[in-house]
Amino acid sequence: MTHILATICPECEQGLHYFVTDLDFKSELFGLAETYVNILDAVKNDIEEIVDEFQVSLPQRWKVSLRCACGNQYEAEIRLPQL
């Protein structure tokens, strides 16, 4: 399944389609999130004798920079699930 992020240029209002992925985007996000959490857990375990508190903020959105055929550059966002 191909997931498509469809946007409209805020300058000229032409439609632009940006192909996000040909993979299962939800599975991809959860796989990346699991890897991210595992890495953070390993770092936390390595520094627990040095640092009292270890906090890392999780990204709320995924952004992509786009360029329209008219030359305008802008960003589109996708909200990321918080695990």
N, C-alpha and C. Protein backbone atom coordinates (compact mmCIF):
# COMPACT_ATOMS: atom_id res chain seq x y z
N MET A 1 0.84 -1.17 0.00
CA MET A 1 0.00 0.00 0.00
C MET A 1 0.89 1.24 0.00
N THR A 2 0.57 2.19 -0.85
CA THR A 2 1.31 3.45 -0.89
C THR A 2 0.51 4.50 -0.15
N HIS A 3 1.16 5.20 0.76
CA HIS A 3 0.53 6.30 1.49
C HIS A 3 0.97 7.60 0.85
N ILE A 4 0.04 8.51 0.64
CA ILE A 4 0.33 9.76 -0.02
C ILE A 4 -0.07 10.91 0.89
N LEU A 5 0.83 11.87 1.03
CA LEU A 5 0.53 13.11 1.73
C LEU A 5 0.15 14.12 0.67
N ALA A 6 -1.10 14.57 0.66
CA ALA A 6 -1.56 15.54 -0.34
C ALA A 6 -1.61 16.91 0.31
N THR A 7 -1.00 17.88 -0.33
CA THR A 7 -0.98 19.24 0.20
C THR A 7 -1.38 20.22 -0.90
N ILE A 8 -1.67 21.44 -0.49
CA ILE A 8 -1.93 22.53 -1.42
C ILE A 8 -0.93 23.63 -1.11
N CYS A 9 -0.27 24.12 -2.13
CA CYS A 9 0.70 25.20 -1.95
C CYS A 9 -0.02 26.43 -1.40
N PRO A 10 0.46 26.99 -0.28
CA PRO A 10 -0.21 28.17 0.28
C PRO A 10 -0.02 29.42 -0.58
N GLU A 11 0.93 29.40 -1.50
CA GLU A 11 1.20 30.56 -2.35
C GLU A 11 0.29 30.58 -3.58
N CYS A 12 0.29 29.49 -4.36
CA CYS A 12 -0.46 29.47 -5.63
C CYS A 12 -1.69 28.58 -5.57
N GLU A 13 -1.86 27.83 -4.48
CA GLU A 13 -3.00 26.94 -4.23
C GLU A 13 -3.10 25.79 -5.23
N GLN A 14 -1.98 25.41 -5.83
CA GLN A 14 -1.95 24.22 -6.69
C GLN A 14 -1.77 22.99 -5.82
N GLY A 15 -2.36 21.88 -6.22
CA GLY A 15 -2.20 20.64 -5.47
C GLY A 15 -0.83 20.03 -5.70
N LEU A 16 -0.29 19.46 -4.66
CA LEU A 16 0.99 18.78 -4.75
C LEU A 16 0.85 17.46 -4.01
N HIS A 17 1.26 16.36 -4.62
CA HIS A 17 1.21 15.06 -3.95
C HIS A 17 2.63 14.64 -3.62
N TYR A 18 2.85 14.30 -2.38
CA TYR A 18 4.16 13.86 -1.93
C TYR A 18 4.02 12.42 -1.45
N PHE A 19 4.75 11.50 -2.05
CA PHE A 19 4.67 10.09 -1.66
C PHE A 19 5.46 9.89 -0.37
N VAL A 20 4.77 9.51 0.68
CA VAL A 20 5.41 9.32 1.98
C VAL A 20 6.18 8.00 2.00
N THR A 21 5.54 6.91 1.65
CA THR A 21 6.19 5.61 1.73
C THR A 21 5.40 4.56 0.96
N ASP A 22 6.08 3.56 0.48
CA ASP A 22 5.42 2.41 -0.12
C ASP A 22 5.29 1.27 0.89
N LEU A 23 5.71 1.52 2.11
CA LEU A 23 5.60 0.53 3.18
C LEU A 23 4.36 0.83 4.01
N ASP A 24 4.06 -0.02 4.96
CA ASP A 24 2.97 0.24 5.87
C ASP A 24 3.43 1.31 6.84
N PHE A 25 2.95 2.53 6.68
CA PHE A 25 3.44 3.67 7.45
C PHE A 25 3.25 3.47 8.95
N LYS A 26 2.12 2.92 9.35
CA LYS A 26 1.88 2.69 10.78
C LYS A 26 2.92 1.72 11.35
N SER A 27 3.17 0.63 10.64
CA SER A 27 4.18 -0.33 11.10
C SER A 27 5.56 0.31 11.14
N GLU A 28 5.84 1.12 10.13
CA GLU A 28 7.14 1.81 10.08
C GLU A 28 7.30 2.73 11.29
N LEU A 29 6.26 3.50 11.61
CA LEU A 29 6.32 4.40 12.75
C LEU A 29 6.52 3.65 14.06
N PHE A 30 5.75 2.58 14.25
CA PHE A 30 5.87 1.83 15.49
C PHE A 30 7.22 1.13 15.59
N GLY A 31 7.75 0.66 14.47
CA GLY A 31 9.09 0.05 14.47
C GLY A 31 10.16 1.05 14.84
N LEU A 32 10.08 2.25 14.26
CA LEU A 32 11.04 3.30 14.59
C LEU A 32 10.89 3.73 16.04
N ALA A 33 9.65 3.84 16.51
CA ALA A 33 9.41 4.24 17.89
C ALA A 33 9.97 3.20 18.86
N GLU A 34 9.79 1.93 18.55
CA GLU A 34 10.31 0.87 19.42
C GLU A 34 11.84 0.93 19.48
N THR A 35 12.47 1.13 18.35
CA THR A 35 13.93 1.25 18.31
C THR A 35 14.39 2.46 19.12
N TYR A 36 13.70 3.58 18.96
CA TYR A 36 14.01 4.81 19.69
C TYR A 36 13.91 4.58 21.20
N VAL A 37 12.84 3.94 21.63
CA VAL A 37 12.64 3.66 23.06
C VAL A 37 13.73 2.71 23.58
N ASN A 38 14.08 1.70 22.81
CA ASN A 38 15.14 0.76 23.22
C ASN A 38 16.48 1.46 23.36
N ILE A 39 16.79 2.36 22.44
CA ILE A 39 18.05 3.11 22.53
C ILE A 39 18.05 4.01 23.75
N LEU A 40 16.93 4.71 23.99
CA LEU A 40 16.85 5.58 25.16
C LEU A 40 16.95 4.79 26.45
N ASP A 41 16.34 3.62 26.50
CA ASP A 41 16.42 2.77 27.68
C ASP A 41 17.85 2.33 27.95
N ALA A 42 18.57 1.99 26.89
CA ALA A 42 19.98 1.58 27.04
C ALA A 42 20.83 2.75 27.54
N VAL A 43 20.59 3.94 27.01
CA VAL A 43 21.34 5.12 27.46
C VAL A 43 21.01 5.40 28.92
N LYS A 44 19.74 5.34 29.28
CA LYS A 44 19.32 5.58 30.66
C LYS A 44 20.00 4.60 31.62
N ASN A 45 20.05 3.32 31.25
CA ASN A 45 20.70 2.32 32.09
C ASN A 45 22.19 2.57 32.22
N ASP A 46 22.83 3.04 31.15
CA ASP A 46 24.27 3.30 31.18
C ASP A 46 24.64 4.49 32.07
N ILE A 47 23.73 5.47 32.19
CA ILE A 47 24.09 6.69 32.93
C ILE A 47 23.37 6.82 34.27
N GLU A 48 22.63 5.79 34.69
CA GLU A 48 21.82 5.93 35.91
C GLU A 48 22.66 6.18 37.16
N GLU A 49 23.92 5.79 37.17
CA GLU A 49 24.78 6.06 38.33
C GLU A 49 25.31 7.48 38.31
N ILE A 50 25.25 8.14 37.16
CA ILE A 50 25.80 9.49 37.01
C ILE A 50 24.70 10.55 37.10
N VAL A 51 23.54 10.27 36.54
CA VAL A 51 22.45 11.25 36.43
C VAL A 51 21.26 10.77 37.25
N ASP A 52 20.68 11.71 38.04
CA ASP A 52 19.52 11.36 38.86
C ASP A 52 18.25 11.22 38.03
N GLU A 53 18.07 12.11 37.08
CA GLU A 53 16.85 12.10 36.28
C GLU A 53 17.20 12.23 34.80
N PHE A 54 16.58 11.40 33.97
CA PHE A 54 16.86 11.38 32.54
C PHE A 54 15.53 11.49 31.79
N GLN A 55 15.33 12.60 31.08
CA GLN A 55 14.09 12.80 30.34
C GLN A 55 14.41 13.18 28.90
N VAL A 56 13.65 12.63 27.99
CA VAL A 56 13.79 12.95 26.57
C VAL A 56 12.40 13.23 26.02
N SER A 57 12.25 14.37 25.37
CA SER A 57 10.95 14.67 24.77
C SER A 57 10.81 13.92 23.45
N LEU A 58 9.61 13.46 23.19
CA LEU A 58 9.34 12.73 21.96
C LEU A 58 8.76 13.70 20.92
N PRO A 59 9.14 13.52 19.66
CA PRO A 59 8.58 14.41 18.63
C PRO A 59 7.08 14.20 18.50
N GLN A 60 6.36 15.29 18.37
CA GLN A 60 4.90 15.25 18.23
C GLN A 60 4.47 15.15 16.77
N ARG A 61 5.33 15.63 15.88
CA ARG A 61 4.98 15.70 14.46
C ARG A 61 6.17 15.34 13.59
N TRP A 62 5.88 14.82 12.42
CA TRP A 62 6.90 14.56 11.41
C TRP A 62 6.72 15.62 10.35
N LYS A 63 7.78 16.34 10.01
CA LYS A 63 7.70 17.42 9.03
C LYS A 63 8.46 17.05 7.77
N VAL A 64 7.95 17.53 6.66
CA VAL A 64 8.62 17.35 5.38
C VAL A 64 8.64 18.71 4.68
N SER A 65 9.80 19.05 4.13
CA SER A 65 9.92 20.29 3.37
C SER A 65 9.54 20.02 1.92
N LEU A 66 8.72 20.88 1.36
CA LEU A 66 8.22 20.70 0.00
C LEU A 66 8.51 21.94 -0.85
N ARG A 67 8.66 21.72 -2.15
CA ARG A 67 8.82 22.83 -3.09
C ARG A 67 7.77 22.66 -4.18
N CYS A 68 6.97 23.68 -4.37
CA CYS A 68 5.92 23.67 -5.38
C CYS A 68 6.53 23.99 -6.75
N ALA A 69 5.81 23.66 -7.81
CA ALA A 69 6.25 23.99 -9.17
C ALA A 69 6.38 25.50 -9.36
N CYS A 70 5.65 26.29 -8.56
CA CYS A 70 5.74 27.75 -8.65
C CYS A 70 7.00 28.29 -7.98
N GLY A 71 7.74 27.42 -7.27
CA GLY A 71 8.98 27.83 -6.61
C GLY A 71 8.85 28.07 -5.12
N ASN A 72 7.63 28.10 -4.61
CA ASN A 72 7.41 28.32 -3.18
C ASN A 72 7.85 27.10 -2.38
N GLN A 73 8.52 27.34 -1.26
CA GLN A 73 8.90 26.27 -0.35
C GLN A 73 8.05 26.37 0.91
N TYR A 74 7.59 25.22 1.40
CA TYR A 74 6.80 25.19 2.62
C TYR A 74 6.93 23.83 3.28
N GLU A 75 6.39 23.70 4.50
CA GLU A 75 6.45 22.44 5.24
C GLU A 75 5.06 21.86 5.42
N ALA A 76 4.98 20.53 5.39
CA ALA A 76 3.76 19.81 5.72
C ALA A 76 4.08 18.93 6.93
N GLU A 77 3.07 18.66 7.75
CA GLU A 77 3.29 17.89 8.98
C GLU A 77 2.31 16.73 9.08
N ILE A 78 2.78 15.67 9.73
CA ILE A 78 1.94 14.53 10.09
C ILE A 78 2.09 14.34 11.60
N ARG A 79 0.98 14.24 12.30
CA ARG A 79 1.04 13.98 13.74
C ARG A 79 1.52 12.56 13.97
N LEU A 80 2.44 12.39 14.91
CA LEU A 80 2.98 11.08 15.24
C LEU A 80 2.26 10.50 16.45
N PRO A 81 1.97 9.21 16.45
CA PRO A 81 1.34 8.60 17.62
C PRO A 81 2.30 8.62 18.81
N GLN A 82 1.78 8.92 19.98
CA GLN A 82 2.59 8.94 21.19
C GLN A 82 2.42 7.61 21.91
N LEU A 83 3.51 6.88 22.05
CA LEU A 83 3.45 5.56 22.65
C LEU A 83 3.63 5.65 24.15
